[in-house]
Amino acid sequence: MSFPRSVAILGGRGMLGTDLARACHALHATVRCYDLPEFDIANRDHCVAALGDCDVVVNCAAYTNVDGAESESILARKVNAQAVGDLGMLARRTGKRILHISTDFVFDGTLDRPYVETDQPNPISEYGRSKLAGETLLQESGCSHAVVRLQWTYGHHGNNFVKKLIERAQKSGELKVVDDQVGSPTATVEVAKALCELLDQGIEGLYHFASRGYVSRFDMAKTIAERLSLDVVVKPCKTADFSSPAQRPLNSRFTCDKIEDVLKDPIEPWQAPLEQFLETV
């Protein structure tokens, strides 16, 4: 295989889409980014047009408001499930490949070890259920595809835990951060590199990707505060201390052996990309 000559990125102006577009450009691909308001993944005509002039489609488009999905479940399902299935059927008919982005929220987070791709999903939120339904419908469409589940992503081009924490720290002298949610902070620039390798090799199947190692949200917040010398006290609390419409998985840890077997280089520990990111904020 070789890197696709042309790549369509749905959700191409979001956090991951922006970094992925830059990475694809660096590999001399023609990149077309599609996003709201002029592009709606739930609009079939929009998808037909996007698929018409590309070799491969990367779907980063999603309804991502975890709490909002509890009251807007129909919209979340329309975007995260139905539209993904329809995209898959269009791709099958036109012979296009799909690389689809999913999430750790397809799991309930109760497992006492990191999740592997063969573990049984059991989402505990409408967001998670809609994303799992999207995976299923894409597979059932029969198109050539790969699904990559991500977690705890951060980058320069969208809202995320790191940027929100810094904003909150600048407004308050004390922050309470949960210490019972554990995962891997994962920079979207690192995700983009991995996705480009999958595109280059024409890889299909289901994969987990996250930075190496694990940390709690609380310890992650302490690391950020220390690196940036923020004048804030970070205190631990429990997820149950917060009242929110949607439940979150406490264990978001991934085993990434499967994807690492096809990547050229080992996955970096979470600390190094985070430090590089913090140097630029």
C-alpha atoms as a PDB file:
ATOM      1  CA  MET A   1       0.000   0.000   0.000  1.00  0.00           C
ATOM      2  CA  SER A   2       0.946   3.675  -0.238  1.00  0.00           C
ATOM      3  CA  PHE A   3      -0.502   6.804   1.288  1.00  0.00           C
ATOM      4  CA  PRO A   4      -3.810   7.816  -0.319  1.00  0.00           C
ATOM      5  CA  ARG A   5      -3.556  10.559  -2.915  1.00  0.00           C
ATOM      6  CA  SER A   6      -6.715  12.230  -1.636  1.00  0.00           C
ATOM      7  CA  VAL A   7      -8.275  12.176   1.838  1.00  0.00           C
ATOM      8  CA  ALA A   8     -11.669  13.522   2.906  1.00  0.00           C
ATOM      9  CA  ILE A   9     -11.837  14.389   6.606  1.00  0.00           C
ATOM     10  CA  LEU A  10     -15.345  14.707   8.030  1.00  0.00           C
ATOM     11  CA  GLY A  11     -15.226  16.953  11.073  1.00  0.00           C
ATOM     12  CA  GLY A  12     -12.023  18.310   9.579  1.00  0.00           C
ATOM     13  CA  ARG A  13     -11.966  21.578  11.507  1.00  0.00           C
ATOM     14  CA  GLY A  14     -12.265  19.957  14.929  1.00  0.00           C
ATOM     15  CA  MET A  15      -9.503  19.122  17.368  1.00  0.00           C
ATOM     16  CA  LEU A  16      -8.387  15.872  15.762  1.00  0.00           C
ATOM     17  CA  GLY A  17      -9.424  16.738  12.217  1.00  0.00           C
ATOM     18  CA  THR A  18      -7.202  19.820  12.129  1.00  0.00           C
ATOM     19  CA  ASP A  19      -4.113  17.933  13.283  1.00  0.00           C
ATOM     20  CA  LEU A  20      -4.875  15.038  10.948  1.00  0.00           C
ATOM     21  CA  ALA A  21      -5.264  17.376   7.970  1.00  0.00           C
ATOM     22  CA  ARG A  22      -1.864  18.887   8.693  1.00  0.00           C
ATOM     23  CA  ALA A  23      -0.277  15.425   8.971  1.00  0.00           C
ATOM     24  CA  CYS A  24      -1.857  14.284   5.680  1.00  0.00           C
ATOM     25  CA  HIS A  25      -0.695  17.447   3.915  1.00  0.00           C
ATOM     26  CA  ALA A  26       2.836  16.716   5.107  1.00  0.00           C
ATOM     27  CA  LEU A  27       2.581  13.377   3.276  1.00  0.00           C
ATOM     28  CA  HIS A  28       1.613  15.218   0.075  1.00  0.00           C
ATOM     29  CA  ALA A  29      -1.997  14.094   0.019  1.00  0.00           C
ATOM     30  CA  THR A  30      -4.785  16.256  -1.290  1.00  0.00           C
ATOM     31  CA  VAL A  31      -6.931  16.909   1.773  1.00  0.00           C
ATOM     32  CA  ARG A  32     -10.494  18.154   1.822  1.00  0.00           C
ATOM     33  CA  CYS A  33     -12.005  19.033   5.197  1.00  0.00           C
ATOM     34  CA  TYR A  34     -15.759  19.006   5.739  1.00  0.00           C
ATOM     35  CA  ASP A  35     -17.465  20.429   8.814  1.00  0.00           C
ATOM     36  CA  LEU A  36     -20.434  22.334  10.138  1.00  0.00           C
ATOM     37  CA  PRO A  37     -22.183  24.542   9.170  1.00  0.00           C
ATOM     38  CA  GLU A  38     -21.768  23.828   5.447  1.00  0.00           C
ATOM     39  CA  PHE A  39     -21.353  20.067   5.910  1.00  0.00           C
ATOM     40  CA  ASP A  40     -23.671  17.828   7.950  1.00  0.00           C
ATOM     41  CA  ILE A  41     -22.773  14.148   8.180  1.00  0.00           C
ATOM     42  CA  ALA A  42     -26.472  13.392   8.680  1.00  0.00           C
ATOM     43  CA  ASN A  43     -27.221  14.901   5.245  1.00  0.00           C
ATOM     44  CA  ARG A  44     -26.904  12.166   2.615  1.00  0.00           C
ATOM     45  CA  ASP A  45     -26.278  14.595  -0.250  1.00  0.00           C
ATOM     46  CA  HIS A  46     -23.418  16.161   1.685  1.00  0.00           C
ATOM     47  CA  CYS A  47     -21.846  12.726   2.196  1.00  0.00           C
ATOM     48  CA  VAL A  48     -22.284  11.757  -1.450  1.00  0.00           C
ATOM     49  CA  ALA A  49     -20.394  14.910  -2.440  1.00  0.00           C
ATOM     50  CA  ALA A  50     -17.628  14.294   0.110  1.00  0.00           C
ATOM     51  CA  LEU A  51     -17.079  10.719  -1.053  1.00  0.00           C
ATOM     52  CA  GLY A  52     -17.142  11.666  -4.710  1.00  0.00           C
ATOM     53  CA  ASP A  53     -13.586  12.868  -5.090  1.00  0.00           C
ATOM     54  CA  CYS A  54     -11.362  11.034  -2.591  1.00  0.00           C
ATOM     55  CA  ASP A  55      -9.592   7.731  -2.053  1.00  0.00           C
ATOM     56  CA  VAL A  56     -10.410   7.381   1.637  1.00  0.00           C
ATOM     57  CA  VAL A  57     -12.683   9.055   4.194  1.00  0.00           C
ATOM     58  CA  VAL A  58     -11.721   9.689   7.810  1.00  0.00           C
ATOM     59  CA  ASN A  59     -14.770  10.295   9.968  1.00  0.00           C
ATOM     60  CA  CYS A  60     -13.979  12.565  12.905  1.00  0.00           C
ATOM     61  CA  ALA A  61     -17.482  14.074  12.841  1.00  0.00           C
ATOM     62  CA  ALA A  62     -19.558  13.308  15.920  1.00  0.00           C
ATOM     63  CA  TYR A  63     -22.016  14.572  18.480  1.00  0.00           C
ATOM     64  CA  THR A  64     -19.618  14.836  21.433  1.00  0.00           C
ATOM     65  CA  ASN A  65     -21.610  16.565  24.199  1.00  0.00           C
ATOM     66  CA  VAL A  66     -21.654  13.681  26.681  1.00  0.00           C
ATOM     67  CA  ASP A  67     -24.139  15.280  29.074  1.00  0.00           C
ATOM     68  CA  GLY A  68     -26.191  16.835  26.286  1.00  0.00           C
ATOM     69  CA  ALA A  69     -26.715  13.434  24.696  1.00  0.00           C
ATOM     70  CA  GLU A  70     -28.836  12.377  27.662  1.00  0.00           C
ATOM     71  CA  SER A  71     -31.535  14.882  26.689  1.00  0.00           C
ATOM     72  CA  GLU A  72     -30.725  14.935  22.955  1.00  0.00           C
ATOM     73  CA  SER A  73     -30.444  11.200  22.433  1.00  0.00           C
ATOM     74  CA  ILE A  74     -32.286  11.304  19.098  1.00  0.00           C
ATOM     75  CA  LEU A  75     -29.811  13.832  17.700  1.00  0.00           C
ATOM     76  CA  ALA A  76     -26.842  11.916  19.138  1.00  0.00           C
ATOM     77  CA  ARG A  77     -28.069   8.692  17.513  1.00  0.00           C
ATOM     78  CA  LYS A  78     -28.731  10.463  14.221  1.00  0.00           C
ATOM     79  CA  VAL A  79     -25.155  11.792  14.033  1.00  0.00           C
ATOM     80  CA  ASN A  80     -23.145   9.091  15.797  1.00  0.00           C
ATOM     81  CA  ALA A  81     -25.026   6.010  14.615  1.00  0.00           C
ATOM     82  CA  GLN A  82     -27.449   6.388  11.715  1.00  0.00           C
ATOM     83  CA  ALA A  83     -25.226   8.760   9.732  1.00  0.00           C
ATOM     84  CA  VAL A  84     -22.204   6.478  10.206  1.00  0.00           C
ATOM     85  CA  GLY A  85     -24.155   3.470   8.938  1.00  0.00           C
ATOM     86  CA  ASP A  86     -25.381   5.446   5.932  1.00  0.00           C
ATOM     87  CA  LEU A  87     -21.815   6.604   5.268  1.00  0.00           C
ATOM     88  CA  GLY A  88     -20.682   2.992   5.301  1.00  0.00           C
ATOM     89  CA  MET A  89     -23.314   1.959   2.769  1.00  0.00           C
ATOM     90  CA  LEU A  90     -22.308   4.823   0.468  1.00  0.00           C
ATOM     91  CA  ALA A  91     -18.674   3.790   0.828  1.00  0.00           C
ATOM     92  CA  ARG A  92     -19.482   0.173  -0.045  1.00  0.00           C
ATOM     93  CA  ARG A  93     -21.317   1.215  -3.203  1.00  0.00           C
ATOM     94  CA  THR A  94     -18.533   3.558  -4.323  1.00  0.00           C
ATOM     95  CA  GLY A  95     -15.593   1.369  -3.277  1.00  0.00           C
ATOM     96  CA  LYS A  96     -14.219   3.879  -0.770  1.00  0.00           C
ATOM     97  CA  ARG A  97     -12.500   3.077   2.525  1.00  0.00           C
ATOM     98  CA  ILE A  98     -13.632   4.532   5.860  1.00  0.00           C
ATOM     99  CA  LEU A  99     -11.454   5.209   8.898  1.00  0.00           C
ATOM    100  CA  HIS A 100     -13.863   5.921  11.744  1.00  0.00           C
ATOM    101  CA  ILE A 101     -13.095   7.421  15.160  1.00  0.00           C
ATOM    102  CA  SER A 102     -14.785   5.980  18.243  1.00  0.00           C
ATOM    103  CA  THR A 103     -14.354   6.207  22.001  1.00  0.00           C
ATOM    104  CA  ASP A 104     -13.641   4.549  25.343  1.00  0.00           C
ATOM    105  CA  PHE A 105     -17.230   5.429  26.313  1.00  0.00           C
ATOM    106  CA  VAL A 106     -18.394   2.227  24.636  1.00  0.00           C
ATOM    107  CA  PHE A 107     -17.230   0.514  27.871  1.00  0.00           C
ATOM    108  CA  ASP A 108     -18.731   0.806  31.359  1.00  0.00           C
ATOM    109  CA  GLY A 109     -15.329   1.251  33.020  1.00  0.00           C
ATOM    110  CA  THR A 110     -15.826  -1.478  35.635  1.00  0.00           C
ATOM    111  CA  LEU A 111     -13.139  -3.870  34.403  1.00  0.00           C
ATOM    112  CA  ASP A 112     -10.166  -4.340  36.746  1.00  0.00           C
ATOM    113  CA  ARG A 113      -7.645  -4.268  33.890  1.00  0.00           C
ATOM    114  CA  PRO A 114      -7.076  -2.281  30.680  1.00  0.00           C
ATOM    115  CA  TYR A 115      -9.570  -2.900  27.886  1.00  0.00           C
ATOM    116  CA  VAL A 116      -8.645  -4.849  24.764  1.00  0.00           C
ATOM    117  CA  GLU A 117     -10.513  -4.754  21.470  1.00  0.00           C
ATOM    118  CA  THR A 118     -12.235  -8.088  22.113  1.00  0.00           C
ATOM    119  CA  ASP A 119     -13.785  -7.003  25.433  1.00  0.00           C
ATOM    120  CA  GLN A 120     -17.565  -6.767  25.402  1.00  0.00           C
ATOM    121  CA  PRO A 121     -18.762  -3.149  25.196  1.00  0.00           C
ATOM    122  CA  ASN A 122     -21.343  -1.976  27.723  1.00  0.00           C
ATOM    123  CA  PRO A 123     -21.897   1.781  27.454  1.00  0.00           C
ATOM    124  CA  ILE A 124     -23.463   3.571  30.414  1.00  0.00           C
ATOM    125  CA  SER A 125     -24.382   6.850  28.686  1.00  0.00           C
ATOM    126  CA  GLU A 126     -26.435   7.840  25.653  1.00  0.00           C
ATOM    127  CA  TYR A 127     -23.264   9.182  24.076  1.00  0.00           C
ATOM    128  CA  GLY A 128     -21.535   5.834  24.525  1.00  0.00           C
ATOM    129  CA  ARG A 129     -24.550   3.922  23.250  1.00  0.00           C
ATOM    130  CA  SER A 130     -24.747   6.111  20.142  1.00  0.00           C
ATOM    131  CA  LYS A 131     -21.033   5.657  19.392  1.00  0.00           C
ATOM    132  CA  LEU A 132     -21.264   1.884  19.820  1.00  0.00           C
ATOM    133  CA  ALA A 133     -24.273   1.795  17.516  1.00  0.00           C
ATOM    134  CA  GLY A 134     -22.199   3.681  14.939  1.00  0.00           C
ATOM    135  CA  GLU A 135     -19.454   1.066  15.118  1.00  0.00           C
ATOM    136  CA  THR A 136     -22.010  -1.705  14.658  1.00  0.00           C
ATOM    137  CA  LEU A 137     -23.802  -0.081  11.727  1.00  0.00           C
ATOM    138  CA  LEU A 138     -20.511   0.680   9.985  1.00  0.00           C
ATOM    139  CA  GLN A 139     -19.482  -2.954  10.274  1.00  0.00           C
ATOM    140  CA  GLU A 140     -22.883  -4.147   9.059  1.00  0.00           C
ATOM    141  CA  SER A 141     -22.653  -1.860   6.015  1.00  0.00           C
ATOM    142  CA  GLY A 142     -20.016  -4.163   4.531  1.00  0.00           C
ATOM    143  CA  CYS A 143     -17.662  -1.392   3.465  1.00  0.00           C
ATOM    144  CA  SER A 144     -13.880  -1.517   3.780  1.00  0.00           C
ATOM    145  CA  HIS A 145     -13.195   0.158   7.109  1.00  0.00           C
ATOM    146  CA  ALA A 146     -11.186   0.526  10.289  1.00  0.00           C
ATOM    147  CA  VAL A 147     -12.406   1.795  13.656  1.00  0.00           C
ATOM    148  CA  VAL A 148     -10.019   3.440  16.116  1.00  0.00           C
ATOM    149  CA  ARG A 149     -11.211   4.032  19.669  1.00  0.00           C
ATOM    150  CA  LEU A 150      -9.599   6.979  21.432  1.00  0.00           C
ATOM    151  CA  GLN A 151      -9.674   8.422  24.933  1.00  0.00           C
ATOM    152  CA  TRP A 152      -8.780  11.558  26.872  1.00  0.00           C
ATOM    153  CA  THR A 153      -7.700  13.462  23.760  1.00  0.00           C
ATOM    154  CA  TYR A 154      -6.420  17.024  23.862  1.00  0.00           C
ATOM    155  CA  GLY A 155      -5.100  19.474  21.275  1.00  0.00           C
ATOM    156  CA  HIS A 156      -4.981  23.117  20.298  1.00  0.00           C
ATOM    157  CA  HIS A 157      -8.086  23.266  18.147  1.00  0.00           C
ATOM    158  CA  GLY A 158     -10.975  22.358  20.438  1.00  0.00           C
ATOM    159  CA  ASN A 159     -12.268  22.115  23.983  1.00  0.00           C
ATOM    160  CA  ASN A 160     -10.673  19.459  26.153  1.00  0.00           C
ATOM    161  CA  PHE A 161      -9.773  18.655  29.756  1.00  0.00           C
ATOM    162  CA  VAL A 162      -6.337  20.296  29.610  1.00  0.00           C
ATOM    163  CA  LYS A 163      -7.531  23.630  28.228  1.00  0.00           C
ATOM    164  CA  LYS A 164     -10.562  23.725  30.534  1.00  0.00           C
ATOM    165  CA  LEU A 165      -8.384  22.992  33.557  1.00  0.00           C
ATOM    166  CA  ILE A 166      -6.027  25.851  32.720  1.00  0.00           C
ATOM    167  CA  GLU A 167      -8.956  28.234  32.229  1.00  0.00           C
ATOM    168  CA  ARG A 168     -10.491  27.205  35.552  1.00  0.00           C
ATOM    169  CA  ALA A 169      -7.158  27.549  37.347  1.00  0.00           C
ATOM    170  CA  GLN A 170      -6.810  31.104  36.095  1.00  0.00           C
ATOM    171  CA  LYS A 171     -10.175  31.992  37.624  1.00  0.00           C
ATOM    172  CA  SER A 172     -10.011  30.094  40.907  1.00  0.00           C
ATOM    173  CA  GLY A 173      -7.405  29.396  43.553  1.00  0.00           C
ATOM    174  CA  GLU A 174      -8.743  25.899  44.193  1.00  0.00           C
ATOM    175  CA  LEU A 175      -9.805  23.082  41.921  1.00  0.00           C
ATOM    176  CA  LYS A 176     -11.465  19.783  42.780  1.00  0.00           C
ATOM    177  CA  VAL A 177     -10.599  17.018  40.341  1.00  0.00           C
ATOM    178  CA  VAL A 178     -11.751  13.404  40.405  1.00  0.00           C
ATOM    179  CA  ASP A 179      -9.169  10.821  41.411  1.00  0.00           C
ATOM    180  CA  ASP A 180     -11.225   7.730  40.538  1.00  0.00           C
ATOM    181  CA  GLN A 181     -11.232   8.172  36.754  1.00  0.00           C
ATOM    182  CA  VAL A 182      -8.102   6.630  35.245  1.00  0.00           C
ATOM    183  CA  GLY A 183      -6.904   6.700  31.642  1.00  0.00           C
ATOM    184  CA  SER A 184      -4.229   7.945  29.256  1.00  0.00           C
ATOM    185  CA  PRO A 185      -3.997  11.612  28.225  1.00  0.00           C
ATOM    186  CA  THR A 186      -3.573  11.425  24.448  1.00  0.00           C
ATOM    187  CA  ALA A 187      -2.451  14.298  22.218  1.00  0.00           C
ATOM    188  CA  THR A 188      -4.284  14.606  18.909  1.00  0.00           C
ATOM    189  CA  VAL A 189      -0.951  15.170  17.136  1.00  0.00           C
ATOM    190  CA  GLU A 190       0.056  11.666  18.281  1.00  0.00           C
ATOM    191  CA  VAL A 191      -3.292  10.259  17.147  1.00  0.00           C
ATOM    192  CA  ALA A 192      -2.816  11.895  13.742  1.00  0.00           C
ATOM    193  CA  LYS A 193       0.566  10.189  13.288  1.00  0.00           C
ATOM    194  CA  ALA A 194      -0.939   6.788  14.083  1.00  0.00           C
ATOM    195  CA  LEU A 195      -3.926   7.327  11.778  1.00  0.00           C
ATOM    196  CA  CYS A 196      -1.605   8.281   8.923  1.00  0.00           C
ATOM    197  CA  GLU A 197       0.224   4.988   9.351  1.00  0.00           C
ATOM    198  CA  LEU A 198      -3.068   3.082   9.219  1.00  0.00           C
ATOM    199  CA  LEU A 199      -4.028   4.985   6.070  1.00  0.00           C
ATOM    200  CA  ASP A 200      -0.643   4.284   4.516  1.00  0.00           C
ATOM    201  CA  GLN A 201      -0.956   0.561   5.144  1.00  0.00           C
ATOM    202  CA  GLY A 202      -4.633   0.249   4.286  1.00  0.00           C
ATOM    203  CA  ILE A 203      -5.290  -1.332   7.679  1.00  0.00           C
ATOM    204  CA  GLU A 204      -8.781  -2.611   8.488  1.00  0.00           C
ATOM    205  CA  GLY A 205     -10.356  -3.753  11.749  1.00  0.00           C
ATOM    206  CA  LEU A 206     -10.892  -2.449  15.281  1.00  0.00           C
ATOM    207  CA  TYR A 207      -8.070  -0.790  17.236  1.00  0.00           C
ATOM    208  CA  HIS A 208      -7.476   0.995  20.527  1.00  0.00           C
ATOM    209  CA  PHE A 209      -5.074   3.930  20.604  1.00  0.00           C
ATOM    210  CA  ALA A 210      -3.907   5.946  23.598  1.00  0.00           C
ATOM    211  CA  SER A 211      -0.608   7.169  24.971  1.00  0.00           C
ATOM    212  CA  ARG A 212       1.409   4.689  26.993  1.00  0.00           C
ATOM    213  CA  GLY A 213       0.821   4.567  30.750  1.00  0.00           C
ATOM    214  CA  TYR A 214      -2.098   5.566  32.940  1.00  0.00           C
ATOM    215  CA  VAL A 215      -2.946   8.392  35.339  1.00  0.00           C
ATOM    216  CA  SER A 216      -5.953   9.666  37.256  1.00  0.00           C
ATOM    217  CA  ARG A 217      -7.622  12.920  36.299  1.00  0.00           C
ATOM    218  CA  PHE A 218      -6.444  14.315  39.635  1.00  0.00           C
ATOM    219  CA  ASP A 219      -2.788  13.413  39.106  1.00  0.00           C
ATOM    220  CA  MET A 220      -2.974  14.684  35.555  1.00  0.00           C
ATOM    221  CA  ALA A 221      -4.307  17.997  36.842  1.00  0.00           C
ATOM    222  CA  LYS A 222      -1.504  18.203  39.408  1.00  0.00           C
ATOM    223  CA  THR A 223       1.043  17.581  36.676  1.00  0.00           C
ATOM    224  CA  ILE A 224      -0.395  20.388  34.552  1.00  0.00           C
ATOM    225  CA  ALA A 225      -0.501  22.812  37.485  1.00  0.00           C
ATOM    226  CA  GLU A 226       3.096  22.041  38.420  1.00  0.00           C
ATOM    227  CA  ARG A 227       4.460  22.290  34.864  1.00  0.00           C
ATOM    228  CA  LEU A 228       2.769  25.659  34.296  1.00  0.00           C
ATOM    229  CA  SER A 229       3.416  26.940  37.849  1.00  0.00           C
ATOM    230  CA  LEU A 230      -0.275  27.711  38.202  1.00  0.00           C
ATOM    231  CA  ASP A 231      -1.267  29.450  41.419  1.00  0.00           C
ATOM    232  CA  VAL A 232      -3.914  26.917  42.327  1.00  0.00           C
ATOM    233  CA  VAL A 233      -4.521  24.175  44.868  1.00  0.00           C
ATOM    234  CA  VAL A 234      -5.678  20.909  43.286  1.00  0.00           C
ATOM    235  CA  LYS A 235      -7.754  18.738  45.609  1.00  0.00           C
ATOM    236  CA  PRO A 236      -8.999  15.185  44.998  1.00  0.00           C
ATOM    237  CA  CYS A 237     -12.649  14.211  44.949  1.00  0.00           C
ATOM    238  CA  LYS A 238     -14.828  11.403  43.632  1.00  0.00           C
ATOM    239  CA  THR A 239     -16.921  11.213  40.480  1.00  0.00           C
ATOM    240  CA  ALA A 240     -19.963  10.609  42.687  1.00  0.00           C
ATOM    241  CA  ASP A 241     -19.393  14.043  44.267  1.00  0.00           C
ATOM    242  CA  PHE A 242     -20.510  15.673  41.028  1.00  0.00           C
ATOM    243  CA  SER A 243     -24.064  15.592  39.774  1.00  0.00           C
ATOM    244  CA  SER A 244     -24.133  15.242  35.995  1.00  0.00           C
ATOM    245  CA  PRO A 245     -26.711  13.904  33.545  1.00  0.00           C
ATOM    246  CA  ALA A 246     -24.370  11.253  32.084  1.00  0.00           C
ATOM    247  CA  GLN A 247     -22.300   8.598  33.787  1.00  0.00           C
ATOM    248  CA  ARG A 248     -18.586   8.360  32.960  1.00  0.00           C
ATOM    249  CA  PRO A 249     -16.479   5.183  32.867  1.00  0.00           C
ATOM    250  CA  LEU A 250     -14.035   5.179  35.785  1.00  0.00           C
ATOM    251  CA  ASN A 251     -11.597   2.848  34.051  1.00  0.00           C
ATOM    252  CA  SER A 252     -10.713   4.127  30.568  1.00  0.00           C
ATOM    253  CA  ARG A 253      -7.429   2.264  30.303  1.00  0.00           C
ATOM    254  CA  PHE A 254      -6.642   0.680  26.942  1.00  0.00           C
ATOM    255  CA  THR A 255      -4.262  -2.057  25.948  1.00  0.00           C
ATOM    256  CA  CYS A 256      -2.785  -0.866  22.649  1.00  0.00           C
ATOM    257  CA  ASP A 257      -0.707  -3.918  21.688  1.00  0.00           C
ATOM    258  CA  LYS A 258      -2.774  -4.578  18.561  1.00  0.00           C
ATOM    259  CA  ILE A 259      -2.204  -1.177  16.960  1.00  0.00           C
ATOM    260  CA  GLU A 260       1.372  -0.970  18.202  1.00  0.00           C
ATOM    261  CA  ASP A 261       2.119  -4.147  16.268  1.00  0.00           C
ATOM    262  CA  VAL A 262       1.433  -2.285  13.009  1.00  0.00           C
ATOM    263  CA  LEU A 263       2.993   1.086  13.935  1.00  0.00           C
ATOM    264  CA  LYS A 264       6.600   1.807  13.020  1.00  0.00           C
ATOM    265  CA  ASP A 265       7.540   3.280  16.391  1.00  0.00           C
ATOM    266  CA  PRO A 266       6.504   2.476  19.985  1.00  0.00           C
ATOM    267  CA  ILE A 267       3.702   4.594  21.426  1.00  0.00           C
ATOM    268  CA  GLU A 268       5.083   7.406  23.573  1.00  0.00           C
ATOM    269  CA  PRO A 269       4.337   7.661  27.310  1.00  0.00           C
ATOM    270  CA  TRP A 270       1.657  10.265  28.030  1.00  0.00           C
ATOM    271  CA  GLN A 271       4.033  12.617  29.848  1.00  0.00           C
ATOM    272  CA  ALA A 272       6.203  13.692  26.891  1.00  0.00           C
ATOM    273  CA  PRO A 273       3.462  14.855  24.466  1.00  0.00           C
ATOM    274  CA  LEU A 274       1.674  16.615  27.332  1.00  0.00           C
ATOM    275  CA  GLU A 275       4.827  18.525  28.279  1.00  0.00           C
ATOM    276  CA  GLN A 276       5.314  19.536  24.645  1.00  0.00           C
ATOM    277  CA  PHE A 277       1.715  20.727  24.485  1.00  0.00           C
ATOM    278  CA  LEU A 278       2.034  22.739  27.700  1.00  0.00           C
ATOM    279  CA  GLU A 279       5.088  24.519  26.309  1.00  0.00           C
ATOM    280  CA  THR A 280       2.882  26.061  23.639  1.00  0.00           C
ATOM    281  CA  VAL A 281      -0.192  27.122  25.624  1.00  0.00           C
END
